[in-house]
């Protein structure tokens, strides 16, 4: 009898929980809200970076594109706060790739969340959910 009650309770729980799903929304946010802040200055390396459409010095040599896909804990944070933090992590990964390969800068940076490319000189895209936020970027390593 106990087994039947436990089984009935388990089945009821499954049906009551139904189709609960995690939030995963793609949001577009302004770069100006984080780039140039003290938080960004302390988190990033001294390697210049330029989003697609931003002016930079003449390129003399290129490695080609590199990609990064970073995630961060979003629990207890606003989407903007979590997305800004993970953006800095993604930019830093591109900067580290440039340094590792002996290149001066990263140019033509664009968002690439879930392989959907988004190009902007003033905005970036971020996937924001209940527990995680993610930013994927592509950028070109160059020498000036």
Foldseek 3Di string as FASTA:
>chain_A
DVVVVVVVVVVVVDVVVPDDDWAKDKDKDWPVVQPPDPVLVVLADPAAEFAPPDDDDDFDDWPFKDKDKFKDWCAPHDLVVRQSVQVSVRLRVVVVVLVVVVFRHWYHKWWQVVHDTDGDRTMHMWIDINTMIMTMIMTIGTHD
